[in-house]
Amino acid sequence: MVLEVGKCKTKGQQLARAFLLQHPMAEGQGVSLYIPQATINATVEEDILLSVEYSCHGVPTIEWMYSSNWGTQKIVEWKPGTQANISQSHKDRVCTFDNGSIQLFSVGVRDSGYYVITVTERLGSSQLGTIVLHVSEILYEDLHFVAVFLAFLVAVAAVLISLMWVCNKCAYKFQRKRRHKLKESTTEETELQDVEC
């Protein structure tokens, strides 16, 4: 049975397509497709390999589609050994491999979704497979900012405490000199009073 993405007309075809999308390993008439990791968890800015392996007679056409809450779009289509036709939305973000795998560079949260591969033989038989990608934000980046900010505050506090200590020492020395001068002037006044008497 050949099922193409978006062309399921009957309820039975829709159920068959749903079954194929949920099972990572499936075999068609002349095409077999194996997906070693059907679900991938990643973080923002990570490079992700959507790994697959296929076997068929002859050179197939390989197509990857992306489906999420934002819609469905074609990523790339190629025949192994030829140059890939990469969509404008994924230019410079996708690398293809002859085994049907693709690598996505610097993924973002918006890249989360379903990645559907279709391997089609020259004679028309094809096989679908799906990989689910979950991309989450890196929480420690926020913690890194907080840690740097706290380190800055600690440094400022240390400088202020040091300045306060220096000011206190200066004030103490100044008061000591002043007391000493007062003592001297008081002693001189006393001596002058004694001399006058």
N, C-alpha and C. Protein backbone atom coordinates (compact mmCIF):
# COMPACT_ATOMS: atom_id res chain seq x y z
N MET A 1 0.86 -1.18 0.00
CA MET A 1 0.00 0.00 0.00
C MET A 1 0.90 1.23 0.00
N VAL A 2 0.65 2.16 -0.90
CA VAL A 2 1.42 3.39 -0.97
C VAL A 2 0.59 4.50 -0.36
N LEU A 3 1.10 5.09 0.71
CA LEU A 3 0.41 6.19 1.37
C LEU A 3 1.30 7.41 1.33
N GLU A 4 0.82 8.47 0.77
CA GLU A 4 1.60 9.70 0.73
C GLU A 4 1.05 10.66 1.77
N VAL A 5 1.95 11.48 2.33
CA VAL A 5 1.54 12.44 3.35
C VAL A 5 0.52 13.40 2.77
N GLY A 6 -0.59 13.54 3.46
CA GLY A 6 -1.61 14.49 3.04
C GLY A 6 -2.55 13.97 1.96
N LYS A 7 -2.42 12.69 1.50
CA LYS A 7 -3.28 12.18 0.43
C LYS A 7 -4.13 11.00 0.87
N CYS A 8 -4.38 10.86 2.15
CA CYS A 8 -5.23 9.78 2.65
C CYS A 8 -6.69 10.18 2.43
N LYS A 9 -7.42 9.37 1.64
CA LYS A 9 -8.78 9.74 1.28
C LYS A 9 -9.83 9.01 2.09
N THR A 10 -9.61 7.73 2.38
CA THR A 10 -10.62 6.98 3.11
C THR A 10 -10.22 6.84 4.57
N LYS A 11 -11.20 6.48 5.39
CA LYS A 11 -10.94 6.28 6.82
C LYS A 11 -9.92 5.18 7.02
N GLY A 12 -9.97 4.13 6.24
CA GLY A 12 -9.01 3.02 6.35
C GLY A 12 -7.60 3.48 6.02
N GLN A 13 -7.44 4.32 4.99
CA GLN A 13 -6.12 4.83 4.65
C GLN A 13 -5.60 5.74 5.76
N GLN A 14 -6.49 6.51 6.36
CA GLN A 14 -6.07 7.39 7.45
C GLN A 14 -5.59 6.57 8.64
N LEU A 15 -6.30 5.48 8.96
CA LEU A 15 -5.88 4.61 10.07
C LEU A 15 -4.56 3.92 9.75
N ALA A 16 -4.40 3.48 8.51
CA ALA A 16 -3.15 2.82 8.11
C ALA A 16 -1.99 3.82 8.20
N ARG A 17 -2.23 5.04 7.76
CA ARG A 17 -1.18 6.08 7.83
C ARG A 17 -0.83 6.36 9.29
N ALA A 18 -1.84 6.46 10.15
CA ALA A 18 -1.60 6.71 11.57
C ALA A 18 -0.78 5.57 12.17
N PHE A 19 -1.09 4.32 11.78
CA PHE A 19 -0.33 3.18 12.27
C PHE A 19 1.12 3.28 11.83
N LEU A 20 1.36 3.60 10.57
CA LEU A 20 2.73 3.70 10.06
C LEU A 20 3.50 4.81 10.75
N LEU A 21 2.84 5.92 11.04
CA LEU A 21 3.51 7.04 11.69
C LEU A 21 3.89 6.73 13.14
N GLN A 22 3.15 5.80 13.77
CA GLN A 22 3.41 5.48 15.16
C GLN A 22 4.43 4.35 15.33
N HIS A 23 4.71 3.61 14.29
CA HIS A 23 5.63 2.48 14.39
C HIS A 23 6.90 2.78 13.61
N PRO A 24 8.03 2.89 14.31
CA PRO A 24 9.25 3.31 13.66
C PRO A 24 9.82 2.33 12.65
N MET A 25 9.51 1.05 12.73
CA MET A 25 10.04 0.12 11.75
C MET A 25 8.87 -0.47 10.97
N ALA A 26 8.97 -0.34 9.67
CA ALA A 26 7.89 -0.86 8.83
C ALA A 26 8.50 -1.36 7.53
N GLU A 27 7.81 -2.25 6.89
CA GLU A 27 8.28 -2.77 5.62
C GLU A 27 7.19 -2.62 4.57
N GLY A 28 7.57 -2.05 3.44
CA GLY A 28 6.65 -1.92 2.32
C GLY A 28 6.89 -3.06 1.36
N GLN A 29 6.37 -2.94 0.13
CA GLN A 29 6.53 -4.01 -0.85
C GLN A 29 8.01 -4.23 -1.17
N GLY A 30 8.72 -3.15 -1.51
CA GLY A 30 10.13 -3.31 -1.85
C GLY A 30 11.01 -2.42 -1.00
N VAL A 31 10.45 -1.73 -0.05
CA VAL A 31 11.21 -0.80 0.77
C VAL A 31 11.06 -1.18 2.23
N SER A 32 12.17 -1.24 2.94
CA SER A 32 12.10 -1.39 4.39
C SER A 32 12.81 -0.20 5.02
N LEU A 33 12.29 0.26 6.13
CA LEU A 33 12.80 1.46 6.77
C LEU A 33 12.95 1.18 8.26
N TYR A 34 14.11 1.51 8.82
CA TYR A 34 14.37 1.30 10.23
C TYR A 34 14.77 2.63 10.87
N ILE A 35 14.11 2.97 11.97
CA ILE A 35 14.42 4.19 12.73
C ILE A 35 14.88 3.75 14.11
N PRO A 36 16.19 3.86 14.40
CA PRO A 36 16.69 3.38 15.68
C PRO A 36 16.21 4.17 16.89
N GLN A 37 15.92 5.45 16.71
CA GLN A 37 15.46 6.28 17.83
C GLN A 37 14.26 7.10 17.35
N ALA A 38 13.07 6.68 17.76
CA ALA A 38 11.84 7.32 17.28
C ALA A 38 11.51 8.61 18.03
N THR A 39 12.10 8.82 19.20
CA THR A 39 11.87 10.05 19.96
C THR A 39 13.22 10.60 20.39
N ILE A 40 13.42 11.90 20.14
CA ILE A 40 14.68 12.55 20.48
C ILE A 40 14.38 13.76 21.35
N ASN A 41 15.07 13.85 22.48
CA ASN A 41 14.99 15.03 23.34
C ASN A 41 16.27 15.82 23.17
N ALA A 42 16.13 17.12 22.94
CA ALA A 42 17.29 17.97 22.71
C ALA A 42 17.11 19.30 23.42
N THR A 43 18.19 20.06 23.46
CA THR A 43 18.13 21.42 24.01
C THR A 43 18.47 22.42 22.91
N VAL A 44 18.10 23.66 23.15
CA VAL A 44 18.30 24.72 22.17
C VAL A 44 19.78 24.81 21.79
N GLU A 45 20.03 25.09 20.51
CA GLU A 45 21.36 25.26 19.91
C GLU A 45 22.12 23.95 19.72
N GLU A 46 21.49 22.83 19.99
CA GLU A 46 22.14 21.54 19.81
C GLU A 46 22.02 21.10 18.36
N ASP A 47 22.99 20.31 17.87
CA ASP A 47 22.91 19.69 16.54
C ASP A 47 22.31 18.30 16.72
N ILE A 48 21.31 17.97 15.90
CA ILE A 48 20.55 16.72 16.07
C ILE A 48 20.66 15.86 14.82
N LEU A 49 20.91 14.57 15.02
CA LEU A 49 20.93 13.62 13.91
C LEU A 49 19.62 12.84 13.92
N LEU A 50 18.85 12.96 12.84
CA LEU A 50 17.63 12.16 12.67
C LEU A 50 18.07 10.94 11.87
N SER A 51 18.37 9.87 12.58
CA SER A 51 19.00 8.69 11.99
C SER A 51 17.98 7.68 11.49
N VAL A 52 18.18 7.22 10.26
CA VAL A 52 17.34 6.17 9.67
C VAL A 52 18.23 5.25 8.84
N GLU A 53 17.71 4.09 8.52
CA GLU A 53 18.34 3.17 7.59
C GLU A 53 17.25 2.57 6.72
N TYR A 54 17.53 2.43 5.44
CA TYR A 54 16.53 1.84 4.56
C TYR A 54 17.20 0.80 3.68
N SER A 55 16.37 -0.06 3.10
CA SER A 55 16.85 -0.97 2.06
C SER A 55 15.75 -1.06 1.01
N CYS A 56 16.19 -1.10 -0.23
CA CYS A 56 15.25 -1.21 -1.36
C CYS A 56 16.02 -1.59 -2.60
N HIS A 57 15.29 -1.80 -3.68
CA HIS A 57 15.90 -2.12 -4.96
C HIS A 57 16.13 -0.81 -5.71
N GLY A 58 17.36 -0.59 -6.15
CA GLY A 58 17.64 0.62 -6.91
C GLY A 58 17.88 1.82 -6.00
N VAL A 59 17.89 3.00 -6.64
CA VAL A 59 18.13 4.25 -5.91
C VAL A 59 16.79 4.92 -5.63
N PRO A 60 16.44 5.11 -4.36
CA PRO A 60 15.14 5.69 -4.03
C PRO A 60 15.19 7.22 -4.00
N THR A 61 14.02 7.79 -3.90
CA THR A 61 13.89 9.22 -3.61
C THR A 61 13.55 9.32 -2.12
N ILE A 62 14.30 10.18 -1.44
CA ILE A 62 14.10 10.35 0.00
C ILE A 62 13.56 11.74 0.24
N GLU A 63 12.49 11.80 1.04
CA GLU A 63 11.87 13.10 1.34
C GLU A 63 11.62 13.19 2.84
N TRP A 64 11.97 14.34 3.42
CA TRP A 64 11.68 14.62 4.83
C TRP A 64 10.71 15.77 4.91
N MET A 65 9.66 15.57 5.73
CA MET A 65 8.67 16.62 5.99
C MET A 65 8.68 16.90 7.49
N TYR A 66 8.27 18.12 7.83
CA TYR A 66 8.20 18.54 9.22
C TYR A 66 6.77 18.96 9.52
N SER A 67 6.23 18.46 10.63
CA SER A 67 4.86 18.79 11.00
C SER A 67 4.81 19.16 12.48
N SER A 68 4.14 20.29 12.77
CA SER A 68 4.00 20.73 14.16
C SER A 68 2.73 21.56 14.28
N ASN A 69 2.57 22.22 15.41
CA ASN A 69 1.41 23.10 15.61
C ASN A 69 1.41 24.25 14.62
N TRP A 70 2.57 24.60 14.09
CA TRP A 70 2.67 25.74 13.17
C TRP A 70 2.41 25.33 11.72
N GLY A 71 2.22 24.05 11.47
CA GLY A 71 1.93 23.59 10.11
C GLY A 71 2.88 22.51 9.64
N THR A 72 2.77 22.18 8.36
CA THR A 72 3.60 21.14 7.75
C THR A 72 4.40 21.75 6.62
N GLN A 73 5.65 21.37 6.55
CA GLN A 73 6.48 21.87 5.46
C GLN A 73 7.50 20.84 5.03
N LYS A 74 7.90 20.92 3.80
CA LYS A 74 8.90 20.02 3.26
C LYS A 74 10.28 20.55 3.67
N ILE A 75 11.13 19.66 4.13
CA ILE A 75 12.49 20.05 4.52
C ILE A 75 13.46 19.83 3.37
N VAL A 76 13.48 18.58 2.87
CA VAL A 76 14.46 18.24 1.85
C VAL A 76 13.99 17.03 1.05
N GLU A 77 14.47 16.95 -0.18
CA GLU A 77 14.21 15.79 -1.04
C GLU A 77 15.46 15.55 -1.87
N TRP A 78 15.85 14.28 -1.98
CA TRP A 78 17.03 13.96 -2.77
C TRP A 78 17.08 12.48 -3.09
N LYS A 79 17.96 12.14 -4.03
CA LYS A 79 18.30 10.75 -4.32
C LYS A 79 19.75 10.59 -3.87
N PRO A 80 20.06 9.50 -3.16
CA PRO A 80 21.43 9.30 -2.70
C PRO A 80 22.42 9.41 -3.87
N GLY A 81 23.50 10.15 -3.62
CA GLY A 81 24.50 10.37 -4.66
C GLY A 81 24.28 11.63 -5.47
N THR A 82 23.14 12.30 -5.26
CA THR A 82 22.87 13.55 -5.97
C THR A 82 22.73 14.69 -4.96
N GLN A 83 22.70 15.90 -5.50
CA GLN A 83 22.55 17.05 -4.62
C GLN A 83 21.12 17.15 -4.10
N ALA A 84 21.01 17.50 -2.82
CA ALA A 84 19.71 17.57 -2.17
C ALA A 84 19.00 18.88 -2.50
N ASN A 85 17.68 18.79 -2.61
CA ASN A 85 16.85 19.97 -2.81
C ASN A 85 16.31 20.38 -1.44
N ILE A 86 17.01 21.32 -0.79
CA ILE A 86 16.67 21.74 0.58
C ILE A 86 15.76 22.96 0.50
N SER A 87 14.69 22.94 1.30
CA SER A 87 13.75 24.06 1.32
C SER A 87 14.44 25.32 1.84
N GLN A 88 13.92 26.47 1.44
CA GLN A 88 14.49 27.75 1.84
C GLN A 88 14.50 27.91 3.36
N SER A 89 13.48 27.39 4.03
CA SER A 89 13.38 27.54 5.49
C SER A 89 14.47 26.76 6.24
N HIS A 90 15.10 25.79 5.58
CA HIS A 90 16.11 24.98 6.24
C HIS A 90 17.48 25.09 5.58
N LYS A 91 17.67 26.04 4.67
CA LYS A 91 18.98 26.24 4.05
C LYS A 91 20.02 26.48 5.13
N ASP A 92 21.18 25.90 4.97
CA ASP A 92 22.31 26.02 5.90
C ASP A 92 22.01 25.43 7.27
N ARG A 93 20.92 24.71 7.44
CA ARG A 93 20.59 24.10 8.72
C ARG A 93 20.47 22.58 8.61
N VAL A 94 20.60 22.04 7.39
CA VAL A 94 20.37 20.61 7.17
C VAL A 94 21.54 20.01 6.40
N CYS A 95 21.94 18.81 6.83
CA CYS A 95 22.94 18.03 6.11
C CYS A 95 22.32 16.66 5.84
N THR A 96 22.43 16.19 4.60
CA THR A 96 21.84 14.89 4.24
C THR A 96 22.91 13.81 4.16
N PHE A 97 22.47 12.58 4.37
CA PHE A 97 23.37 11.43 4.28
C PHE A 97 22.74 10.41 3.34
N ASP A 98 23.58 9.63 2.66
CA ASP A 98 23.08 8.66 1.68
C ASP A 98 22.21 7.57 2.30
N ASN A 99 22.33 7.33 3.61
CA ASN A 99 21.49 6.30 4.24
C ASN A 99 20.09 6.83 4.56
N GLY A 100 19.81 8.11 4.21
CA GLY A 100 18.49 8.69 4.44
C GLY A 100 18.42 9.58 5.66
N SER A 101 19.45 9.55 6.50
CA SER A 101 19.47 10.37 7.71
C SER A 101 19.70 11.84 7.34
N ILE A 102 19.25 12.72 8.23
CA ILE A 102 19.56 14.14 8.09
C ILE A 102 20.05 14.66 9.44
N GLN A 103 20.84 15.71 9.37
CA GLN A 103 21.29 16.37 10.59
C GLN A 103 20.77 17.80 10.57
N LEU A 104 20.16 18.21 11.70
CA LEU A 104 19.68 19.57 11.86
C LEU A 104 20.66 20.31 12.75
N PHE A 105 21.09 21.49 12.29
CA PHE A 105 22.05 22.27 13.05
C PHE A 105 21.34 23.34 13.87
N SER A 106 21.82 23.52 15.08
CA SER A 106 21.38 24.60 15.96
C SER A 106 19.85 24.66 16.08
N VAL A 107 19.26 23.60 16.62
CA VAL A 107 17.81 23.53 16.72
C VAL A 107 17.27 24.52 17.75
N GLY A 108 16.02 24.93 17.56
CA GLY A 108 15.33 25.81 18.49
C GLY A 108 14.05 25.16 18.95
N VAL A 109 13.38 25.79 19.90
CA VAL A 109 12.13 25.25 20.43
C VAL A 109 11.11 25.07 19.31
N ARG A 110 11.13 25.97 18.34
CA ARG A 110 10.18 25.90 17.23
C ARG A 110 10.41 24.67 16.34
N ASP A 111 11.58 24.03 16.46
CA ASP A 111 11.86 22.83 15.67
C ASP A 111 11.22 21.58 16.28
N SER A 112 10.62 21.69 17.45
CA SER A 112 9.93 20.55 18.05
C SER A 112 8.78 20.13 17.15
N GLY A 113 8.59 18.83 17.01
CA GLY A 113 7.49 18.34 16.19
C GLY A 113 7.77 16.96 15.63
N TYR A 114 7.05 16.63 14.56
CA TYR A 114 7.14 15.32 13.92
C TYR A 114 7.91 15.46 12.61
N TYR A 115 8.91 14.61 12.46
CA TYR A 115 9.71 14.58 11.23
C TYR A 115 9.39 13.28 10.51
N VAL A 116 8.79 13.42 9.34
CA VAL A 116 8.31 12.25 8.58
C VAL A 116 9.21 12.04 7.37
N ILE A 117 9.76 10.84 7.29
CA ILE A 117 10.58 10.48 6.14
C ILE A 117 9.77 9.57 5.23
N THR A 118 9.87 9.81 3.92
CA THR A 118 9.25 8.94 2.92
C THR A 118 10.35 8.47 1.98
N VAL A 119 10.52 7.15 1.89
CA VAL A 119 11.48 6.56 0.97
C VAL A 119 10.67 5.91 -0.14
N THR A 120 10.86 6.38 -1.38
CA THR A 120 10.08 5.90 -2.52
C THR A 120 11.00 5.26 -3.55
N GLU A 121 10.68 4.02 -3.91
CA GLU A 121 11.44 3.32 -4.96
C GLU A 121 11.05 3.84 -6.33
N ARG A 122 11.92 3.56 -7.28
CA ARG A 122 11.65 3.97 -8.66
C ARG A 122 10.37 3.33 -9.19
N LEU A 123 10.04 2.13 -8.71
CA LEU A 123 8.85 1.42 -9.18
C LEU A 123 7.57 1.92 -8.50
N GLY A 124 7.71 2.78 -7.51
CA GLY A 124 6.54 3.38 -6.89
C GLY A 124 6.22 2.96 -5.48
N SER A 125 6.81 1.86 -5.00
CA SER A 125 6.52 1.49 -3.61
C SER A 125 7.26 2.45 -2.68
N SER A 126 6.64 2.73 -1.55
CA SER A 126 7.26 3.68 -0.62
C SER A 126 7.03 3.24 0.81
N GLN A 127 7.73 3.90 1.71
CA GLN A 127 7.63 3.61 3.13
C GLN A 127 7.76 4.91 3.91
N LEU A 128 6.92 5.05 4.94
CA LEU A 128 6.95 6.23 5.81
C LEU A 128 7.53 5.85 7.16
N GLY A 129 8.17 6.84 7.79
CA GLY A 129 8.64 6.67 9.16
C GLY A 129 8.60 8.03 9.85
N THR A 130 8.49 8.03 11.16
CA THR A 130 8.36 9.28 11.91
C THR A 130 9.33 9.32 13.08
N ILE A 131 9.93 10.49 13.27
CA ILE A 131 10.75 10.75 14.45
C ILE A 131 10.15 11.97 15.14
N VAL A 132 9.95 11.85 16.45
CA VAL A 132 9.41 12.96 17.24
C VAL A 132 10.58 13.67 17.91
N LEU A 133 10.65 14.98 17.72
CA LEU A 133 11.72 15.77 18.32
C LEU A 133 11.14 16.74 19.34
N HIS A 134 11.66 16.69 20.56
CA HIS A 134 11.29 17.62 21.62
C HIS A 134 12.50 18.50 21.91
N VAL A 135 12.38 19.81 21.71
CA VAL A 135 13.48 20.73 21.99
C VAL A 135 13.07 21.62 23.15
N SER A 136 13.91 21.67 24.17
CA SER A 136 13.61 22.50 25.34
C SER A 136 14.70 23.54 25.53
N GLU A 137 14.33 24.61 26.22
CA GLU A 137 15.28 25.69 26.48
C GLU A 137 16.26 25.25 27.56
N ILE A 138 17.44 25.81 27.52
CA ILE A 138 18.45 25.51 28.51
C ILE A 138 18.21 26.42 29.71
N LEU A 139 17.87 25.82 30.83
CA LEU A 139 17.56 26.60 32.02
C LEU A 139 18.81 27.15 32.68
N TYR A 140 19.94 26.47 32.53
CA TYR A 140 21.12 26.93 33.23
C TYR A 140 21.68 28.22 32.65
N GLU A 141 21.26 28.63 31.44
CA GLU A 141 21.68 29.94 30.93
C GLU A 141 21.16 31.04 31.84
N ASP A 142 19.91 30.91 32.27
CA ASP A 142 19.36 31.90 33.20
C ASP A 142 20.10 31.84 34.53
N LEU A 143 20.40 30.64 34.99
CA LEU A 143 21.13 30.49 36.23
C LEU A 143 22.54 31.06 36.10
N HIS A 144 23.12 30.92 34.92
CA HIS A 144 24.45 31.49 34.67
C HIS A 144 24.41 33.00 34.82
N PHE A 145 23.39 33.63 34.26
CA PHE A 145 23.24 35.08 34.38
C PHE A 145 23.09 35.47 35.85
N VAL A 146 22.27 34.75 36.59
CA VAL A 146 22.06 35.04 38.01
C VAL A 146 23.37 34.86 38.77
N ALA A 147 24.11 33.81 38.48
CA ALA A 147 25.38 33.56 39.17
C ALA A 147 26.38 34.68 38.89
N VAL A 148 26.46 35.12 37.64
CA VAL A 148 27.37 36.22 37.30
C VAL A 148 26.94 37.50 38.01
N PHE A 149 25.64 37.75 38.03
CA PHE A 149 25.13 38.95 38.69
C PHE A 149 25.44 38.91 40.19
N LEU A 150 25.23 37.75 40.82
CA LEU A 150 25.53 37.61 42.25
C LEU A 150 27.03 37.78 42.52
N ALA A 151 27.86 37.24 41.65
CA ALA A 151 29.31 37.42 41.80
C ALA A 151 29.68 38.89 41.71
N PHE A 152 29.04 39.60 40.79
CA PHE A 152 29.27 41.04 40.66
C PHE A 152 28.87 41.77 41.95
N LEU A 153 27.69 41.42 42.49
CA LEU A 153 27.24 42.05 43.73
C LEU A 153 28.19 41.76 44.89
N VAL A 154 28.69 40.53 44.97
CA VAL A 154 29.64 40.17 46.02
C VAL A 154 30.92 40.98 45.87
N ALA A 155 31.39 41.14 44.64
CA ALA A 155 32.61 41.93 44.40
C ALA A 155 32.39 43.39 44.81
N VAL A 156 31.24 43.97 44.44
CA VAL A 156 30.93 45.35 44.82
C VAL A 156 30.85 45.47 46.35
N ALA A 157 30.22 44.50 46.99
CA ALA A 157 30.12 44.53 48.45
C ALA A 157 31.50 44.45 49.09
N ALA A 158 32.38 43.62 48.55
CA ALA A 158 33.74 43.49 49.09
C ALA A 158 34.49 44.81 48.95
N VAL A 159 34.35 45.48 47.82
CA VAL A 159 35.00 46.78 47.61
C VAL A 159 34.46 47.80 48.59
N LEU A 160 33.15 47.84 48.76
CA LEU A 160 32.56 48.80 49.70
C LEU A 160 32.99 48.54 51.14
N ILE A 161 33.03 47.28 51.53
CA ILE A 161 33.47 46.94 52.89
C ILE A 161 34.93 47.36 53.08
N SER A 162 35.76 47.12 52.06
CA SER A 162 37.17 47.53 52.14
C SER A 162 37.29 49.04 52.27
N LEU A 163 36.51 49.77 51.48
CA LEU A 163 36.53 51.24 51.57
C LEU A 163 36.08 51.72 52.95
N MET A 164 35.04 51.08 53.48
CA MET A 164 34.57 51.45 54.81
C MET A 164 35.66 51.19 55.85
N TRP A 165 36.38 50.10 55.75
CA TRP A 165 37.45 49.78 56.68
C TRP A 165 38.57 50.82 56.60
N VAL A 166 38.96 51.18 55.35
CA VAL A 166 40.00 52.19 55.16
C VAL A 166 39.54 53.53 55.73
N CYS A 167 38.31 53.92 55.44
CA CYS A 167 37.77 55.18 55.97
C CYS A 167 37.75 55.17 57.50
N ASN A 168 37.38 54.04 58.10
CA ASN A 168 37.35 53.92 59.55
C ASN A 168 38.75 54.07 60.13
N LYS A 169 39.75 53.44 59.49
CA LYS A 169 41.13 53.56 59.95
C LYS A 169 41.60 55.01 59.85
N CYS A 170 41.28 55.68 58.75
CA CYS A 170 41.67 57.07 58.56
C CYS A 170 41.01 57.97 59.61
N ALA A 171 39.72 57.72 59.84
CA ALA A 171 39.00 58.52 60.83
C ALA A 171 39.59 58.29 62.21
N TYR A 172 39.97 57.06 62.54
CA TYR A 172 40.55 56.76 63.84
C TYR A 172 41.89 57.48 64.00
N LYS A 173 42.72 57.44 62.93
CA LYS A 173 44.01 58.13 62.99
C LYS A 173 43.80 59.63 63.12
N PHE A 174 42.85 60.17 62.39
CA PHE A 174 42.58 61.60 62.45
C PHE A 174 42.14 61.99 63.86
N GLN A 175 41.24 61.21 64.46
CA GLN A 175 40.79 61.49 65.82
C GLN A 175 41.94 61.39 66.82
N ARG A 176 42.79 60.43 66.61
CA ARG A 176 43.94 60.26 67.49
C ARG A 176 44.87 61.47 67.42
N LYS A 177 45.14 61.94 66.19
CA LYS A 177 45.97 63.13 66.03
C LYS A 177 45.31 64.34 66.66
N ARG A 178 44.02 64.44 66.46
CA ARG A 178 43.28 65.58 67.01
C ARG A 178 43.33 65.56 68.54
N ARG A 179 43.15 64.40 69.12
CA ARG A 179 43.23 64.29 70.57
C ARG A 179 44.64 64.66 71.06
N HIS A 180 45.62 64.18 70.31
CA HIS A 180 46.99 64.48 70.69
C HIS A 180 47.25 65.98 70.63
N LYS A 181 46.74 66.64 69.56
CA LYS A 181 46.90 68.09 69.43
C LYS A 181 46.14 68.80 70.54
N LEU A 182 44.96 68.33 70.86
CA LEU A 182 44.18 68.93 71.94
C LEU A 182 44.91 68.80 73.26
N LYS A 183 45.52 67.62 73.47
CA LYS A 183 46.27 67.42 74.70
C LYS A 183 47.44 68.40 74.77
N GLU A 184 48.15 68.54 73.63
CA GLU A 184 49.29 69.44 73.58
C GLU A 184 48.85 70.89 73.84
N SER A 185 47.76 71.29 73.16
CA SER A 185 47.30 72.67 73.35
C SER A 185 46.81 72.88 74.77
N THR A 186 46.17 71.88 75.35
CA THR A 186 45.71 71.99 76.73
C THR A 186 46.92 72.07 77.67
N THR A 187 47.93 71.30 77.39
CA THR A 187 49.14 71.33 78.21
C THR A 187 49.82 72.69 78.09
N GLU A 188 49.88 73.24 76.89
CA GLU A 188 50.50 74.56 76.69
C GLU A 188 49.70 75.63 77.42
N GLU A 189 48.39 75.57 77.35
CA GLU A 189 47.55 76.56 78.04
C GLU A 189 47.78 76.48 79.55
N THR A 190 47.88 75.28 80.06
CA THR A 190 48.09 75.08 81.48
C THR A 190 49.46 75.66 81.87
N GLU A 191 50.45 75.42 81.04
CA GLU A 191 51.79 75.94 81.33
C GLU A 191 51.78 77.46 81.29
N LEU A 192 51.07 78.00 80.29
CA LEU A 192 50.99 79.47 80.17
C LEU A 192 50.28 80.05 81.39
N GLN A 193 49.24 79.42 81.82
CA GLN A 193 48.51 79.89 83.00
C GLN A 193 49.42 79.82 84.23
N ASP A 194 50.22 78.79 84.34
CA ASP A 194 51.13 78.63 85.46
C ASP A 194 52.22 79.71 85.42
N VAL A 195 52.66 80.03 84.21
CA VAL A 195 53.69 81.04 84.06
C VAL A 195 53.12 82.41 84.41
N GLU A 196 51.92 82.69 84.02
CA GLU A 196 51.30 83.99 84.28
C GLU A 196 51.04 84.17 85.77
N CYS A 197 50.78 83.13 86.41
CA CYS A 197 50.48 83.23 87.85
C CYS A 197 51.73 83.43 88.57
